[in-house]
Protein backbone atom coordinates (compact mmCIF):
# COMPACT_ATOMS: atom_id res chain seq x y z
CA MET A 1 44.33 -44.04 -25.10
CA SER A 2 46.04 -42.96 -21.92
CA GLU A 3 42.74 -43.21 -20.02
CA ILE A 4 43.00 -47.00 -20.20
CA ALA A 5 45.15 -48.42 -17.44
CA GLU A 6 47.00 -51.69 -17.68
CA ARG A 7 45.10 -54.51 -16.07
CA SER A 8 45.74 -58.15 -15.47
CA HIS A 9 43.69 -61.31 -15.32
CA ASN A 10 44.19 -61.12 -11.53
CA SER A 11 41.99 -58.03 -11.11
CA PRO A 12 38.27 -58.60 -10.44
CA SER A 13 37.20 -56.97 -13.71
CA GLY A 14 39.94 -58.82 -15.60
CA PHE A 15 38.78 -62.10 -14.09
CA TRP A 16 35.11 -61.62 -15.08
CA LYS A 17 35.93 -60.36 -18.56
CA GLY A 18 38.22 -63.35 -19.03
CA PHE A 19 35.64 -65.78 -17.61
CA LEU A 20 32.85 -64.52 -19.87
CA GLY A 21 35.22 -64.56 -22.84
CA HIS A 22 36.11 -68.16 -22.00
CA CYS A 23 32.41 -69.10 -21.88
CA ALA A 24 31.75 -67.35 -25.21
CA TYR A 25 34.75 -69.17 -26.75
CA TYR A 26 32.99 -72.54 -26.36
CA VAL A 27 29.41 -71.54 -27.18
CA SER A 28 28.18 -72.74 -30.55
CA TRP A 29 24.41 -72.62 -30.09
CA PRO A 30 22.30 -70.53 -30.10
CA HIS A 31 24.39 -68.28 -32.30
CA THR A 32 23.28 -65.13 -30.46
CA LEU A 33 24.56 -66.34 -27.07
CA ALA A 34 28.25 -65.75 -27.89
CA SER A 35 27.43 -62.23 -29.14
CA TRP A 36 25.50 -61.49 -25.97
CA LEU A 37 28.31 -62.82 -23.71
CA HIS A 38 30.86 -60.66 -25.53
CA LYS A 39 28.60 -57.61 -25.20
CA VAL A 40 28.26 -58.23 -21.44
CA ARG A 41 32.05 -58.43 -21.08
CA GLY A 42 32.47 -55.06 -22.81
CA VAL A 43 32.73 -55.62 -26.57
CA ARG A 44 30.81 -52.82 -28.28
CA ILE A 45 27.98 -54.68 -30.02
CA ALA A 46 24.81 -52.63 -30.51
CA HIS A 47 22.49 -55.51 -31.47
CA PRO A 48 23.79 -58.96 -30.40
CA ARG A 49 20.98 -60.69 -32.34
CA ARG A 50 22.40 -59.27 -35.57
CA VAL A 51 25.99 -60.43 -34.99
CA ARG A 52 27.07 -64.02 -35.52
CA ILE A 53 30.10 -65.25 -33.59
CA ALA A 54 31.08 -68.89 -34.08
CA ALA A 55 32.71 -71.09 -31.46
CA ASN A 56 36.45 -70.72 -30.77
CA VAL A 57 36.50 -66.97 -31.46
CA LEU A 58 38.81 -64.99 -29.18
CA ILE A 59 38.13 -61.28 -28.73
CA ASP A 60 40.76 -59.40 -26.71
CA SER A 61 40.79 -60.99 -23.27
CA LEU A 62 41.83 -57.94 -21.24
CA TYR A 63 40.45 -54.97 -23.18
CA PRO A 64 37.21 -56.07 -24.91
CA GLU A 65 35.84 -52.52 -24.68
CA LEU A 66 38.31 -51.49 -27.41
CA VAL A 67 36.56 -53.76 -29.94
CA GLU A 68 33.48 -52.64 -31.89
CA ILE A 69 31.47 -55.09 -33.96
CA GLU A 70 28.65 -53.67 -36.06
CA ASP A 71 25.44 -55.34 -37.26
CA ASP A 72 25.35 -58.26 -39.70
CA VAL A 73 28.97 -59.28 -39.06
CA PHE A 74 29.98 -62.95 -39.11
CA LEU A 75 33.10 -64.00 -37.22
CA THR A 76 33.77 -67.60 -38.25
CA ARG A 77 35.47 -70.31 -36.19
CA GLY A 78 38.91 -69.51 -34.80
CA VAL A 79 38.95 -65.75 -35.46
CA VAL A 80 41.21 -63.75 -33.12
CA ILE A 81 40.80 -60.01 -32.52
CA VAL A 82 43.56 -58.29 -30.54
CA ALA A 83 43.26 -54.68 -29.30
CA HIS A 84 46.42 -54.40 -27.23
CA LEU A 85 50.08 -55.37 -27.22
CA THR A 86 51.73 -56.21 -23.90
CA PRO A 87 55.48 -56.64 -24.35
CA THR A 88 57.62 -58.88 -22.18
CA PRO A 89 59.60 -57.18 -19.39
CA PHE A 90 62.72 -57.34 -21.59
CA LEU A 91 60.97 -55.71 -24.57
CA ARG A 92 59.39 -53.01 -22.36
CA LYS A 93 62.88 -51.53 -21.96
CA ILE A 94 63.18 -51.28 -25.73
CA ILE A 95 59.71 -50.46 -27.06
CA GLY A 96 57.88 -49.19 -23.97
CA GLY A 97 54.74 -50.36 -22.20
CA THR A 98 51.41 -51.72 -23.30
CA GLU A 99 49.84 -50.25 -26.46
CA PHE A 100 46.06 -49.93 -26.78
CA LYS A 101 44.35 -49.44 -30.15
CA LYS A 102 40.68 -49.73 -31.05
CA VAL A 103 39.50 -52.36 -33.52
CA ARG A 104 36.33 -51.95 -35.57
CA VAL A 105 34.58 -54.55 -37.72
CA ALA A 106 32.04 -52.65 -39.81
CA ARG A 107 28.55 -53.68 -40.89
CA GLY A 108 28.20 -56.80 -42.98
CA ALA A 109 31.83 -57.92 -42.80
CA TYR A 110 32.70 -61.61 -43.03
CA ILE A 111 35.87 -62.75 -41.27
CA GLY A 112 37.13 -66.16 -42.43
CA VAL A 113 38.27 -69.14 -40.37
CA ASN A 114 41.39 -68.52 -38.22
CA ALA A 115 41.85 -64.94 -39.40
CA ILE A 116 43.68 -62.59 -37.02
CA ILE A 117 42.84 -58.89 -36.70
CA LEU A 118 45.56 -56.83 -35.00
CA PRO A 119 45.28 -53.62 -32.91
CA GLY A 120 44.23 -50.40 -34.61
CA VAL A 121 42.54 -52.03 -37.61
CA THR A 122 39.19 -51.17 -39.17
CA VAL A 123 37.61 -53.80 -41.40
CA GLY A 124 35.30 -51.82 -43.66
CA GLU A 125 31.63 -52.35 -44.42
CA GLY A 126 30.86 -55.39 -46.55
CA CYS A 127 34.42 -56.75 -46.47
CA ILE A 128 35.50 -60.34 -46.77
CA VAL A 129 38.68 -61.37 -44.94
CA GLY A 130 40.00 -64.71 -46.17
CA ALA A 131 40.70 -67.72 -43.98
CA GLY A 132 44.03 -67.56 -42.15
CA SER A 133 44.65 -63.91 -43.04
CA VAL A 134 46.52 -61.60 -40.69
CA VAL A 135 45.01 -58.11 -40.93
CA THR A 136 47.62 -55.50 -40.00
CA LYS A 137 46.11 -52.44 -41.78
CA ASP A 138 42.66 -51.06 -42.48
CA VAL A 139 40.62 -52.83 -45.16
CA PRO A 140 38.53 -50.46 -47.32
CA PRO A 141 34.76 -51.04 -47.60
CA TYR A 142 33.55 -53.73 -50.02
CA SER A 143 36.97 -55.34 -50.44
CA VAL A 144 38.31 -58.88 -50.31
CA ALA A 145 41.54 -59.14 -48.29
CA VAL A 146 43.66 -62.29 -47.99
CA GLY A 147 47.13 -63.41 -46.92
CA ASN A 148 49.76 -62.68 -44.31
CA PRO A 149 49.85 -59.74 -44.13
CA ALA A 150 46.37 -59.33 -45.61
CA ARG A 151 46.23 -57.48 -48.92
CA VAL A 152 43.20 -56.35 -50.88
CA ILE A 153 42.89 -58.55 -53.97
CA ARG A 154 39.61 -57.24 -55.35
CA LYS A 155 36.39 -55.40 -54.65
CA VAL A 156 33.15 -57.07 -53.58
CA THR A 157 30.73 -56.58 -56.46
CA GLY A 158 27.07 -55.83 -55.89
CA GLY A 159 27.77 -54.06 -52.59
CA GLU A 160 25.99 -50.90 -53.68
CA GLU A 161 22.60 -52.66 -53.79
CA ALA A 162 22.99 -53.86 -50.17
CA ARG A 163 23.31 -50.31 -48.85
């Protein structure tokens, strides 16, 4: 992802993306408004009317364009999606600069209260991520993942009929 340059909240685009994200963070009604605000700030949402984003959801503040949310997804209150890692100046000497990785939440996924999705993760179609889970690796389609780090505990049954 070398085509993505580091940016800060001080840049004009960083300011507006942050401002719209801040507005979307507090919106609770109508449910499509938060989806629309996130789409305007760069989150890849094809149909905002088919995505439900509750209040207090934080989608990467600097690089929203690295996040894709497909139709029929529900992000419940307090969900955090992070698509980049910016180390402190001290850690830059050890691990290098900012890392950018795309995040994808596939069709029909349900992300529980206060779950965190980290950079580079794909949450598969029809998945359920439990409340408070920290998703560090891909979750296969039609799975239930819980814990810190999130682990698949079972399959979602009946998913084949929904396809």
